[in-house]
Structure formats: C-alpha cells, structure tokens
Protein backbone atom coordinates (compact mmCIF):
# COMPACT_ATOMS: atom_id res chain seq x y z
CA MET A 1 3.69 -11.76 15.18
CA GLY A 2 5.81 -9.40 13.13
CA VAL A 3 6.04 -9.08 9.36
CA GLN A 4 8.99 -11.46 9.14
CA ASP A 5 7.12 -14.07 11.19
CA HIS A 6 4.08 -13.78 8.90
CA LYS A 7 6.26 -14.06 5.79
CA GLU A 8 8.07 -17.11 7.13
CA ALA A 9 4.79 -18.81 7.96
CA ALA A 10 3.37 -17.96 4.52
CA ALA A 11 6.52 -19.24 2.80
CA GLN A 12 5.50 -22.74 3.91
CA LEU A 13 2.39 -22.56 1.75
CA GLY A 14 2.43 -24.35 -1.58
CA SER A 15 2.14 -22.77 -4.97
CA PHE A 16 -0.90 -20.86 -6.12
CA SER A 17 -2.85 -20.40 -9.33
CA GLY A 18 -2.83 -17.02 -11.04
CA ALA A 19 -4.71 -15.57 -13.97
CA VAL A 20 -3.45 -13.03 -16.47
CA LEU A 21 -6.12 -10.73 -17.84
CA THR A 22 -5.12 -8.37 -20.65
CA VAL A 23 -7.54 -5.52 -21.20
CA SER A 24 -7.04 -3.97 -24.63
CA ASP A 25 -8.93 -2.78 -27.67
CA SER A 26 -5.92 -3.28 -29.93
CA ARG A 27 -3.78 -6.22 -28.76
CA THR A 28 -4.12 -9.78 -29.95
CA GLU A 29 -2.71 -12.91 -28.31
CA ALA A 30 0.18 -12.70 -30.78
CA THR A 31 1.00 -9.09 -29.84
CA ASP A 32 0.28 -9.29 -26.11
CA GLU A 33 3.86 -9.09 -24.85
CA SER A 34 2.85 -7.83 -21.40
CA GLY A 35 0.53 -10.80 -20.92
CA LYS A 36 3.34 -13.18 -21.91
CA ILE A 37 5.76 -11.51 -19.48
CA LEU A 38 3.25 -11.88 -16.64
CA GLN A 39 2.75 -15.57 -17.40
CA GLU A 40 6.52 -16.10 -17.44
CA CYS A 41 6.91 -14.24 -14.11
CA ILE A 42 4.16 -16.29 -12.44
CA ILE A 43 5.77 -19.56 -13.55
CA ALA A 44 9.28 -18.39 -12.60
CA ALA A 45 7.97 -17.62 -9.10
CA GLY A 46 6.82 -21.24 -8.75
CA HIS A 47 3.11 -20.73 -9.33
CA GLN A 48 0.76 -21.90 -12.10
CA VAL A 49 -1.04 -19.88 -14.73
CA GLY A 50 -4.60 -21.07 -14.26
CA ALA A 51 -6.10 -18.80 -16.92
CA TYR A 52 -5.20 -16.27 -19.56
CA ARG A 53 -7.76 -13.98 -21.14
CA LEU A 54 -7.55 -11.06 -23.54
CA ILE A 55 -10.69 -8.92 -23.51
CA LYS A 56 -11.93 -5.58 -24.79
CA ASN A 57 -11.88 -2.53 -22.55
CA GLU A 58 -15.59 -2.59 -21.70
CA MET A 59 -16.60 -2.13 -18.06
CA ASP A 60 -19.19 -4.91 -17.95
CA VAL A 61 -16.86 -7.38 -19.69
CA VAL A 62 -13.93 -6.55 -17.38
CA ALA A 63 -16.06 -6.80 -14.23
CA ALA A 64 -17.71 -10.07 -15.29
CA THR A 65 -14.37 -11.62 -16.23
CA VAL A 66 -12.74 -10.61 -12.92
CA ARG A 67 -15.70 -12.01 -10.96
CA GLU A 68 -15.52 -15.28 -12.91
CA LEU A 69 -11.74 -15.65 -12.55
CA ALA A 70 -11.84 -14.80 -8.82
CA GLU A 71 -13.85 -18.01 -8.36
CA GLN A 72 -11.28 -20.08 -10.27
CA VAL A 73 -7.81 -18.84 -9.24
CA ASP A 74 -5.99 -17.45 -6.23
CA PHE A 75 -4.88 -14.20 -7.83
CA ILE A 76 -5.47 -12.17 -10.98
CA ILE A 77 -3.08 -9.72 -12.59
CA THR A 78 -4.63 -7.41 -15.14
CA THR A 79 -2.61 -5.44 -17.65
CA GLY A 80 -3.93 -2.46 -19.57
CA GLY A 81 -6.72 0.03 -19.12
CA THR A 82 -5.26 1.83 -16.10
CA GLY A 83 -4.24 5.13 -17.68
CA MET A 84 -6.04 8.42 -18.11
CA SER A 85 -7.66 8.02 -21.53
CA PRO A 86 -11.45 7.78 -21.74
CA ARG A 87 -11.13 4.11 -22.82
CA ASP A 88 -9.04 3.17 -19.74
CA LEU A 89 -11.73 1.49 -17.62
CA THR A 90 -10.00 -1.33 -15.74
CA ILE A 91 -9.86 0.55 -12.44
CA GLU A 92 -13.48 1.66 -12.69
CA SER A 93 -14.45 -1.95 -13.45
CA CYS A 94 -12.48 -3.60 -10.63
CA ARG A 95 -12.62 -1.16 -7.73
CA PRO A 96 -16.36 -1.75 -7.03
CA LEU A 97 -15.63 -5.49 -6.78
CA PHE A 98 -12.95 -5.11 -4.10
CA THR A 99 -13.73 -6.53 -0.69
CA LYS A 100 -10.67 -4.62 0.52
CA GLU A 101 -8.34 -2.34 -1.43
CA LEU A 102 -4.55 -2.40 -1.13
CA GLU A 103 -4.02 1.36 -1.32
CA GLY A 104 -0.30 0.98 -0.60
CA PHE A 105 0.23 -1.18 -3.68
CA GLY A 106 -0.43 1.65 -6.11
CA ASP A 107 1.59 4.10 -4.03
CA VAL A 108 4.66 1.88 -3.87
CA PHE A 109 4.31 0.92 -7.54
CA ARG A 110 4.32 4.58 -8.56
CA LEU A 111 7.29 5.26 -6.27
CA ILE A 112 9.47 2.58 -7.80
CA SER A 113 8.17 3.41 -11.29
CA PHE A 114 9.26 7.01 -10.73
CA GLN A 115 12.81 5.74 -10.31
CA GLU A 116 12.62 4.25 -13.81
CA VAL A 117 10.37 6.57 -15.83
CA GLY A 118 10.40 9.81 -13.89
CA SER A 119 7.35 12.02 -13.63
CA ALA A 120 5.37 9.88 -16.11
CA ALA A 121 4.79 7.53 -13.14
CA ILE A 122 1.92 9.77 -12.01
CA LEU A 123 -0.10 8.66 -15.04
CA SER A 124 -0.48 5.18 -13.56
CA ARG A 125 -3.60 4.40 -11.57
CA ALA A 126 -2.37 0.90 -10.67
CA THR A 127 -4.18 -0.61 -7.73
CA GLY A 128 -4.92 -3.90 -6.07
CA GLY A 129 -7.35 -5.51 -3.70
CA SER A 130 -9.20 -8.64 -2.75
CA VAL A 131 -12.29 -9.99 -4.45
CA GLY A 132 -13.56 -12.59 -2.04
CA ARG A 133 -10.66 -14.99 -1.42
CA ALA A 134 -8.73 -13.92 -4.53
CA LEU A 135 -6.33 -11.02 -5.00
CA VAL A 136 -6.55 -8.70 -7.98
CA PHE A 137 -3.80 -6.38 -9.20
CA CYS A 138 -4.47 -3.84 -11.95
CA LEU A 139 -1.33 -2.85 -13.86
CA PRO A 140 -0.53 -0.63 -16.81
CA GLY A 141 -0.02 -2.24 -20.20
CA SER A 142 3.69 -1.55 -20.62
CA LYS A 143 6.15 -4.44 -20.56
CA ALA A 144 8.45 -2.65 -18.11
CA ALA A 145 5.57 -1.85 -15.75
CA VAL A 146 4.25 -5.41 -15.56
CA ARG A 147 7.71 -6.87 -15.01
CA LEU A 148 8.46 -4.30 -12.30
CA ALA A 149 5.20 -4.88 -10.45
CA ALA A 150 5.25 -8.67 -10.77
CA GLU A 151 8.88 -9.21 -9.82
CA ARG A 152 9.34 -6.54 -7.16
CA LEU A 153 5.92 -6.26 -5.51
CA ILE A 154 3.26 -8.85 -6.30
CA LEU A 155 5.03 -12.19 -6.48
CA PRO A 156 7.40 -11.62 -3.54
CA GLU A 157 4.34 -10.94 -1.33
CA ILE A 158 1.67 -13.14 -2.90
CA LYS A 159 1.85 -15.95 -0.33
CA HIS A 160 1.88 -13.48 2.56
CA LEU A 161 -1.08 -11.58 1.08
CA LEU A 162 -3.12 -14.70 0.40
CA SER A 163 -2.46 -16.02 3.89
CA GLN A 164 -3.87 -12.78 5.29
CA VAL A 165 -6.90 -12.60 2.99
CA ARG A 166 -7.85 -16.17 3.83
CA LYS A 167 -7.56 -15.95 7.59
CA VAL A 168 -10.65 -17.11 9.39
C-alpha cells in the first residue's frame, strides 16, 4: 500500500477528539489567542475539542497533563514553551513520554516556517510523537506558527497518523 492508499483508507475514519494545551507563565484564557486559533482549526477540520488547558511552564505539570490528556483524547496540540529560553520546558517534558517520535514533523515545520519568518525558524524546537494511542504535537506560542502547523501539517495528516499509531 502506498501513501495515497493509506490516506484514502484513513479518510474513511470518523472525526477525532483533540486537546489544546497552552503552556505559559504569562497568558490567561482571555489572552490565549494561539489556544483559540488551535481550537478553531480543530473544529474547522471536522474534529472535536475534547479538552482545553492552560498551565504553567513547569516540567512535572506539563508531563502530568500530557499523560492525563493522552488517556482522554486522540491527539494533543501544545502551544508555548518550545523556544530556547530557560523557562521553555515543553519539549523536555514531552519527549520522555513519546512512544515514538515524529522527527520529520519538526523538520518540515521549520522548513515551511523559514519561508514565512526566515532564519528565525531555527529557534523553534517543535516536535511531535505518540504517547500510547494518542498523538502529541509541541508547537511554538505564536499565532502564525500554530495556524501554519495545524492547517498545513497536523490536521491534514491526523487521520492517517492515528490510523498508523493504532494498527494492531
């Protein structure tokens, strides 16, 4: 079976439940524009938002929240905490939880980001992987970055990815 065959088979699957997890020491629900964009993108793609959380950038809190959500939803998209500052801990919190990592996700995200923001794209440590039967994508906190990743990478492939992760 080729990629197109897999995608066509996965397209027959129903909708899925996604969670939006904003990791920030400064945002509130009222100011979390990236979280709102992700929720809108998930719904526009025909899926449901099964959970929304806004948490502090603390490794144990991020890891515990991702573990909890991975038991409740099909996929999780995090926003924030993926840069180079000492407080950016989302990657360090999620990577140890991955059953498998999607190395290509971060590479392709940075490639298409480069087309929009130039060399600043190298500052992103965006990544993705599976945590059990759920998928997790860790995105930067910028509105443009979350829209780009959700609309051009994650949501167009989410059914295909989930069908692969859940193969027996």
